[in-house]
Amino acid sequence: MYYKTNASGQPVFSDCKAILLEFDHAPLVKGQWVSNPSQELIFAEGWAVYVPPVIPPQPQTEPYESDIVEAVKRMLASSVEDLTDEEALDVAALYPTWASKIGEAVAVGERLWYDGKLYKVIQAHTASQEWTPDSAVSLYVEVSIEEWPAWVQPTGSHDAYMAGDKVSHNDHHWESLIDNNVWEPGAVGTESLWRQID
């Protein structure tokens, strides 16, 4: 693209594929149209190469939505650990996903999001692709606020039932009478360990 200033002082732009001569250039004469003129003839007629001005990039005035979401998650990460299970379920999406922890050590009590549910680590371990929270019952328990969650066989003192804990098992509701209760409700000899509610 070429440009030159007209008699009024305004810039005129052209690709100069054909120009009307304003000067004599033997054997060419003033007023003659020339197609595909040489660059020397274009410059001799007063045209110059147009170089557009450099426009500095506009600054980003707002952060990206994804950056805001990640910042909020980081900000809340420290405070979500102090929430009760009921409060945690209301903001389950703020917890790290189980998939993001694969290959990393996870601690007892850590809560992780998996398949639309929140799970709590009940045994410290290194998260593995093979041990999904819904199937590795010795490593995870689903966070629930049910009054009578299903009884799950404890694997040790870290996930044993405490006095007052309530469970449902074999179509009955049970309340643990002792701390560190790992026995099955209703089994022979557990009458002093569990109280049948109904």
C-alpha atoms as a PDB file:
ATOM      1  CA  MET A   1       0.000   0.000   0.000  1.00  0.00           C
ATOM      2  CA  TYR A   2       1.205   3.511  -0.884  1.00  0.00           C
ATOM      3  CA  TYR A   3       0.156   6.996   0.135  1.00  0.00           C
ATOM      4  CA  LYS A   4       0.786  10.664  -0.631  1.00  0.00           C
ATOM      5  CA  THR A   5      -0.661  13.961   0.470  1.00  0.00           C
ATOM      6  CA  ASN A   6      -3.099  15.722  -1.870  1.00  0.00           C
ATOM      7  CA  ALA A   7      -3.422  19.488  -2.445  1.00  0.00           C
ATOM      8  CA  SER A   8      -5.735  19.760   0.570  1.00  0.00           C
ATOM      9  CA  GLY A   9      -3.132  18.174   2.833  1.00  0.00           C
ATOM     10  CA  GLN A  10      -5.117  14.936   3.216  1.00  0.00           C
ATOM     11  CA  PRO A  11      -3.446  11.555   2.792  1.00  0.00           C
ATOM     12  CA  VAL A  12      -4.504   9.534  -0.253  1.00  0.00           C
ATOM     13  CA  PHE A  13      -3.997   5.761  -0.272  1.00  0.00           C
ATOM     14  CA  SER A  14      -3.554   3.484  -3.290  1.00  0.00           C
ATOM     15  CA  ASP A  15      -2.188   0.073  -4.206  1.00  0.00           C
ATOM     16  CA  CYS A  16      -0.617   1.874  -7.237  1.00  0.00           C
ATOM     17  CA  LYS A  17      -1.438  -0.915  -9.683  1.00  0.00           C
ATOM     18  CA  ALA A  18      -2.355   1.896 -12.057  1.00  0.00           C
ATOM     19  CA  ILE A  19      -1.381   5.547 -11.579  1.00  0.00           C
ATOM     20  CA  LEU A  20      -2.208   8.828 -13.323  1.00  0.00           C
ATOM     21  CA  LEU A  21       1.027  10.686 -13.993  1.00  0.00           C
ATOM     22  CA  GLU A  22       1.321  14.198 -12.602  1.00  0.00           C
ATOM     23  CA  PHE A  23       4.759  14.752 -14.170  1.00  0.00           C
ATOM     24  CA  ASP A  24       6.466  14.009 -17.458  1.00  0.00           C
ATOM     25  CA  HIS A  25       8.733  10.942 -17.438  1.00  0.00           C
ATOM     26  CA  ALA A  26       9.984  10.529 -21.006  1.00  0.00           C
ATOM     27  CA  PRO A  27       8.703   8.780 -22.977  1.00  0.00           C
ATOM     28  CA  LEU A  28       5.661   8.987 -20.592  1.00  0.00           C
ATOM     29  CA  VAL A  29       3.801  12.282 -20.327  1.00  0.00           C
ATOM     30  CA  LYS A  30       1.770  14.029 -17.673  1.00  0.00           C
ATOM     31  CA  GLY A  31      -1.913  12.934 -17.567  1.00  0.00           C
ATOM     32  CA  GLN A  32      -1.176   9.450 -18.908  1.00  0.00           C
ATOM     33  CA  TRP A  33      -2.394   6.318 -17.033  1.00  0.00           C
ATOM     34  CA  VAL A  34       0.282   3.704 -16.425  1.00  0.00           C
ATOM     35  CA  SER A  35      -0.595   0.151 -15.436  1.00  0.00           C
ATOM     36  CA  ASN A  36       1.775  -1.849 -13.224  1.00  0.00           C
ATOM     37  CA  PRO A  37       4.280   0.991 -12.839  1.00  0.00           C
ATOM     38  CA  SER A  38       7.772   0.288 -11.557  1.00  0.00           C
ATOM     39  CA  GLN A  39       8.542   1.177  -7.961  1.00  0.00           C
ATOM     40  CA  GLU A  40      10.928   3.888  -9.219  1.00  0.00           C
ATOM     41  CA  LEU A  41       8.068   5.510 -11.194  1.00  0.00           C
ATOM     42  CA  ILE A  42       5.727   5.226  -8.170  1.00  0.00           C
ATOM     43  CA  PHE A  43       8.273   7.009  -5.946  1.00  0.00           C
ATOM     44  CA  ALA A  44       9.023   9.581  -8.665  1.00  0.00           C
ATOM     45  CA  GLU A  45       5.295  10.439  -8.695  1.00  0.00           C
ATOM     46  CA  GLY A  46       5.472  11.231  -4.959  1.00  0.00           C
ATOM     47  CA  TRP A  47       4.021   8.027  -3.519  1.00  0.00           C
ATOM     48  CA  ALA A  48       5.576   6.508  -0.414  1.00  0.00           C
ATOM     49  CA  VAL A  49       5.182   3.089   1.178  1.00  0.00           C
ATOM     50  CA  TYR A  50       2.505   3.240   3.847  1.00  0.00           C
ATOM     51  CA  VAL A  51       3.554   1.750   7.165  1.00  0.00           C
ATOM     52  CA  PRO A  52       0.602   1.516   9.538  1.00  0.00           C
ATOM     53  CA  PRO A  53       1.253   2.903  12.985  1.00  0.00           C
ATOM     54  CA  VAL A  54       1.988   0.374  15.704  1.00  0.00           C
ATOM     55  CA  ILE A  55      -0.997   0.134  18.013  1.00  0.00           C
ATOM     56  CA  PRO A  56       0.033  -1.057  21.444  1.00  0.00           C
ATOM     57  CA  PRO A  57      -2.002  -3.980  22.734  1.00  0.00           C
ATOM     58  CA  GLN A  58      -4.840  -3.032  25.015  1.00  0.00           C
ATOM     59  CA  PRO A  59      -4.340  -4.097  28.617  1.00  0.00           C
ATOM     60  CA  GLN A  60      -6.585  -6.837  29.947  1.00  0.00           C
ATOM     61  CA  THR A  61      -9.065  -4.940  32.104  1.00  0.00           C
ATOM     62  CA  GLU A  62     -10.780  -7.936  33.737  1.00  0.00           C
ATOM     63  CA  PRO A  63      -9.362 -11.261  34.908  1.00  0.00           C
ATOM     64  CA  TYR A  64     -10.524 -14.367  33.097  1.00  0.00           C
ATOM     65  CA  GLU A  65     -13.453 -16.184  34.719  1.00  0.00           C
ATOM     66  CA  SER A  66     -11.363 -19.353  35.109  1.00  0.00           C
ATOM     67  CA  ASP A  67      -8.722 -17.345  37.020  1.00  0.00           C
ATOM     68  CA  ILE A  68     -11.405 -16.010  39.370  1.00  0.00           C
ATOM     69  CA  VAL A  69     -12.748 -19.501  40.052  1.00  0.00           C
ATOM     70  CA  GLU A  70      -9.266 -20.852  40.798  1.00  0.00           C
ATOM     71  CA  ALA A  71      -8.479 -17.890  43.063  1.00  0.00           C
ATOM     72  CA  VAL A  72     -11.692 -18.412  45.031  1.00  0.00           C
ATOM     73  CA  LYS A  73     -10.901 -22.105  45.431  1.00  0.00           C
ATOM     74  CA  ARG A  74      -7.397 -21.317  46.708  1.00  0.00           C
ATOM     75  CA  MET A  75      -8.737 -18.665  49.074  1.00  0.00           C
ATOM     76  CA  LEU A  76     -11.321 -21.012  50.527  1.00  0.00           C
ATOM     77  CA  ALA A  77      -9.093 -24.091  50.593  1.00  0.00           C
ATOM     78  CA  SER A  78      -7.798 -23.384  54.078  1.00  0.00           C
ATOM     79  CA  SER A  79     -11.189 -22.577  55.581  1.00  0.00           C
ATOM     80  CA  VAL A  80     -13.158 -25.483  54.072  1.00  0.00           C
ATOM     81  CA  GLU A  81     -11.213 -27.953  56.186  1.00  0.00           C
ATOM     82  CA  ASP A  82     -12.786 -26.459  59.314  1.00  0.00           C
ATOM     83  CA  LEU A  83     -16.348 -27.003  58.108  1.00  0.00           C
ATOM     84  CA  THR A  84     -18.643 -29.620  59.576  1.00  0.00           C
ATOM     85  CA  ASP A  85     -19.710 -32.450  57.285  1.00  0.00           C
ATOM     86  CA  GLU A  86     -23.090 -30.798  56.792  1.00  0.00           C
ATOM     87  CA  GLU A  87     -21.467 -27.472  55.833  1.00  0.00           C
ATOM     88  CA  ALA A  88     -18.941 -29.281  53.622  1.00  0.00           C
ATOM     89  CA  LEU A  89     -21.699 -30.942  51.622  1.00  0.00           C
ATOM     90  CA  ASP A  90     -23.115 -27.500  50.759  1.00  0.00           C
ATOM     91  CA  VAL A  91     -19.804 -26.473  49.156  1.00  0.00           C
ATOM     92  CA  ALA A  92     -18.560 -29.882  47.968  1.00  0.00           C
ATOM     93  CA  ALA A  93     -17.310 -28.453  44.659  1.00  0.00           C
ATOM     94  CA  LEU A  94     -14.687 -26.402  46.518  1.00  0.00           C
ATOM     95  CA  TYR A  95     -12.826 -29.526  47.642  1.00  0.00           C
ATOM     96  CA  PRO A  96     -10.029 -31.037  45.550  1.00  0.00           C
ATOM     97  CA  THR A  97     -11.054 -33.795  43.198  1.00  0.00           C
ATOM     98  CA  TRP A  98      -9.903 -37.329  43.923  1.00  0.00           C
ATOM     99  CA  ALA A  99      -8.430 -37.501  40.398  1.00  0.00           C
ATOM    100  CA  SER A 100      -6.209 -34.485  41.120  1.00  0.00           C
ATOM    101  CA  LYS A 101      -4.675 -36.344  44.086  1.00  0.00           C
ATOM    102  CA  ILE A 102      -3.668 -39.548  42.270  1.00  0.00           C
ATOM    103  CA  GLY A 103      -0.032 -40.270  43.085  1.00  0.00           C
ATOM    104  CA  GLU A 104      -0.060 -37.945  46.116  1.00  0.00           C
ATOM    105  CA  ALA A 105      -0.253 -38.716  49.811  1.00  0.00           C
ATOM    106  CA  VAL A 106      -3.655 -38.042  51.381  1.00  0.00           C
ATOM    107  CA  ALA A 107      -4.156 -37.641  55.125  1.00  0.00           C
ATOM    108  CA  VAL A 108      -6.843 -38.925  57.458  1.00  0.00           C
ATOM    109  CA  GLY A 109      -9.765 -36.495  57.496  1.00  0.00           C
ATOM    110  CA  GLU A 110      -8.981 -34.989  54.093  1.00  0.00           C
ATOM    111  CA  ARG A 111     -12.134 -34.566  51.988  1.00  0.00           C
ATOM    112  CA  LEU A 112     -12.166 -35.188  48.250  1.00  0.00           C
ATOM    113  CA  TRP A 113     -14.790 -34.787  45.527  1.00  0.00           C
ATOM    114  CA  TYR A 114     -15.497 -37.883  43.413  1.00  0.00           C
ATOM    115  CA  ASP A 115     -18.348 -38.711  41.020  1.00  0.00           C
ATOM    116  CA  GLY A 116     -20.636 -36.012  42.410  1.00  0.00           C
ATOM    117  CA  LYS A 117     -20.077 -36.972  46.054  1.00  0.00           C
ATOM    118  CA  LEU A 118     -17.769 -35.914  48.862  1.00  0.00           C
ATOM    119  CA  TYR A 119     -15.566 -38.541  50.502  1.00  0.00           C
ATOM    120  CA  LYS A 120     -13.406 -38.425  53.629  1.00  0.00           C
ATOM    121  CA  VAL A 121     -10.063 -40.218  53.908  1.00  0.00           C
ATOM    122  CA  ILE A 122     -10.149 -42.651  56.855  1.00  0.00           C
ATOM    123  CA  GLN A 123      -6.710 -44.178  56.345  1.00  0.00           C
ATOM    124  CA  ALA A 124      -3.621 -42.253  55.200  1.00  0.00           C
ATOM    125  CA  HIS A 125      -2.304 -43.564  51.885  1.00  0.00           C
ATOM    126  CA  THR A 126      -1.082 -42.563  48.447  1.00  0.00           C
ATOM    127  CA  ALA A 127      -4.071 -42.068  46.162  1.00  0.00           C
ATOM    128  CA  SER A 128      -4.099 -44.665  43.408  1.00  0.00           C
ATOM    129  CA  GLN A 129      -6.113 -45.074  40.206  1.00  0.00           C
ATOM    130  CA  GLU A 130      -7.189 -48.540  41.371  1.00  0.00           C
ATOM    131  CA  TRP A 131      -8.589 -47.374  44.739  1.00  0.00           C
ATOM    132  CA  THR A 132     -11.595 -45.229  43.901  1.00  0.00           C
ATOM    133  CA  PRO A 133     -13.428 -43.722  46.871  1.00  0.00           C
ATOM    134  CA  ASP A 134     -16.645 -45.573  46.086  1.00  0.00           C
ATOM    135  CA  SER A 135     -14.938 -48.982  46.119  1.00  0.00           C
ATOM    136  CA  ALA A 136     -12.036 -48.653  48.575  1.00  0.00           C
ATOM    137  CA  VAL A 137     -14.147 -48.725  51.750  1.00  0.00           C
ATOM    138  CA  SER A 138     -11.089 -49.227  53.960  1.00  0.00           C
ATOM    139  CA  LEU A 139      -9.637 -45.920  52.700  1.00  0.00           C
ATOM    140  CA  TYR A 140     -12.657 -43.643  52.195  1.00  0.00           C
ATOM    141  CA  VAL A 141     -16.096 -43.050  53.634  1.00  0.00           C
ATOM    142  CA  GLU A 142     -18.782 -41.013  51.920  1.00  0.00           C
ATOM    143  CA  VAL A 143     -19.499 -37.776  53.755  1.00  0.00           C
ATOM    144  CA  SER A 144     -23.119 -38.004  54.800  1.00  0.00           C
ATOM    145  CA  ILE A 145     -25.476 -36.314  57.219  1.00  0.00           C
ATOM    146  CA  GLU A 146     -27.914 -39.202  57.303  1.00  0.00           C
ATOM    147  CA  GLU A 147     -28.978 -39.927  60.855  1.00  0.00           C
ATOM    148  CA  TRP A 148     -28.703 -43.669  60.271  1.00  0.00           C
ATOM    149  CA  PRO A 149     -25.925 -44.312  57.719  1.00  0.00           C
ATOM    150  CA  ALA A 150     -25.312 -47.899  56.686  1.00  0.00           C
ATOM    151  CA  TRP A 151     -22.897 -49.769  58.945  1.00  0.00           C
ATOM    152  CA  VAL A 152     -19.505 -50.414  57.323  1.00  0.00           C
ATOM    153  CA  GLN A 153     -17.038 -52.903  58.813  1.00  0.00           C
ATOM    154  CA  PRO A 154     -14.251 -50.828  60.402  1.00  0.00           C
ATOM    155  CA  THR A 155     -10.701 -51.743  59.447  1.00  0.00           C
ATOM    156  CA  GLY A 156      -9.138 -50.442  62.658  1.00  0.00           C
ATOM    157  CA  SER A 157      -9.346 -47.852  65.409  1.00  0.00           C
ATOM    158  CA  HIS A 158      -9.129 -44.971  62.904  1.00  0.00           C
ATOM    159  CA  ASP A 159     -12.601 -45.715  61.525  1.00  0.00           C
ATOM    160  CA  ALA A 160     -14.183 -47.534  64.482  1.00  0.00           C
ATOM    161  CA  TYR A 161     -17.551 -46.364  65.780  1.00  0.00           C
ATOM    162  CA  MET A 162     -17.665 -44.246  68.918  1.00  0.00           C
ATOM    163  CA  ALA A 163     -20.234 -44.306  71.722  1.00  0.00           C
ATOM    164  CA  GLY A 164     -23.441 -42.686  70.476  1.00  0.00           C
ATOM    165  CA  ASP A 165     -22.748 -43.315  66.772  1.00  0.00           C
ATOM    166  CA  LYS A 166     -25.879 -44.432  64.925  1.00  0.00           C
ATOM    167  CA  VAL A 167     -26.020 -46.899  62.055  1.00  0.00           C
ATOM    168  CA  SER A 168     -28.504 -48.978  60.091  1.00  0.00           C
ATOM    169  CA  HIS A 169     -27.778 -52.676  59.553  1.00  0.00           C
ATOM    170  CA  ASN A 170     -29.907 -55.685  58.603  1.00  0.00           C
ATOM    171  CA  ASP A 171     -33.100 -53.585  58.505  1.00  0.00           C
ATOM    172  CA  HIS A 172     -32.589 -52.244  62.044  1.00  0.00           C
ATOM    173  CA  HIS A 173     -31.218 -49.081  63.613  1.00  0.00           C
ATOM    174  CA  TRP A 174     -28.383 -49.398  66.120  1.00  0.00           C
ATOM    175  CA  GLU A 175     -26.513 -47.127  68.535  1.00  0.00           C
ATOM    176  CA  SER A 176     -22.961 -47.861  69.642  1.00  0.00           C
ATOM    177  CA  LEU A 177     -22.607 -48.170  73.422  1.00  0.00           C
ATOM    178  CA  ILE A 178     -18.795 -48.007  73.501  1.00  0.00           C
ATOM    179  CA  ASP A 179     -15.901 -46.162  71.900  1.00  0.00           C
ATOM    180  CA  ASN A 180     -13.746 -47.891  69.284  1.00  0.00           C
ATOM    181  CA  ASN A 181     -16.521 -50.310  68.388  1.00  0.00           C
ATOM    182  CA  VAL A 182     -15.503 -52.527  65.445  1.00  0.00           C
ATOM    183  CA  TRP A 183     -18.090 -55.287  66.004  1.00  0.00           C
ATOM    184  CA  GLU A 184     -21.052 -55.981  63.732  1.00  0.00           C
ATOM    185  CA  PRO A 185     -24.374 -54.798  65.170  1.00  0.00           C
ATOM    186  CA  GLY A 186     -26.660 -57.704  66.088  1.00  0.00           C
ATOM    187  CA  ALA A 187     -23.942 -60.349  65.978  1.00  0.00           C
ATOM    188  CA  VAL A 188     -24.021 -62.904  68.793  1.00  0.00           C
ATOM    189  CA  GLY A 189     -22.267 -61.560  71.858  1.00  0.00           C
ATOM    190  CA  THR A 190     -22.546 -57.856  70.916  1.00  0.00           C
ATOM    191  CA  GLU A 191     -25.538 -57.078  73.129  1.00  0.00           C
ATOM    192  CA  SER A 192     -23.364 -54.923  75.395  1.00  0.00           C
ATOM    193  CA  LEU A 193     -21.754 -53.147  72.429  1.00  0.00           C
ATOM    194  CA  TRP A 194     -24.794 -52.101  70.398  1.00  0.00           C
ATOM    195  CA  ARG A 195     -28.308 -51.080  71.384  1.00  0.00           C
ATOM    196  CA  GLN A 196     -31.057 -51.914  68.877  1.00  0.00           C
ATOM    197  CA  ILE A 197     -33.344 -48.891  68.447  1.00  0.00           C
ATOM    198  CA  ASP A 198     -35.997 -50.632  66.316  1.00  0.00           C
END
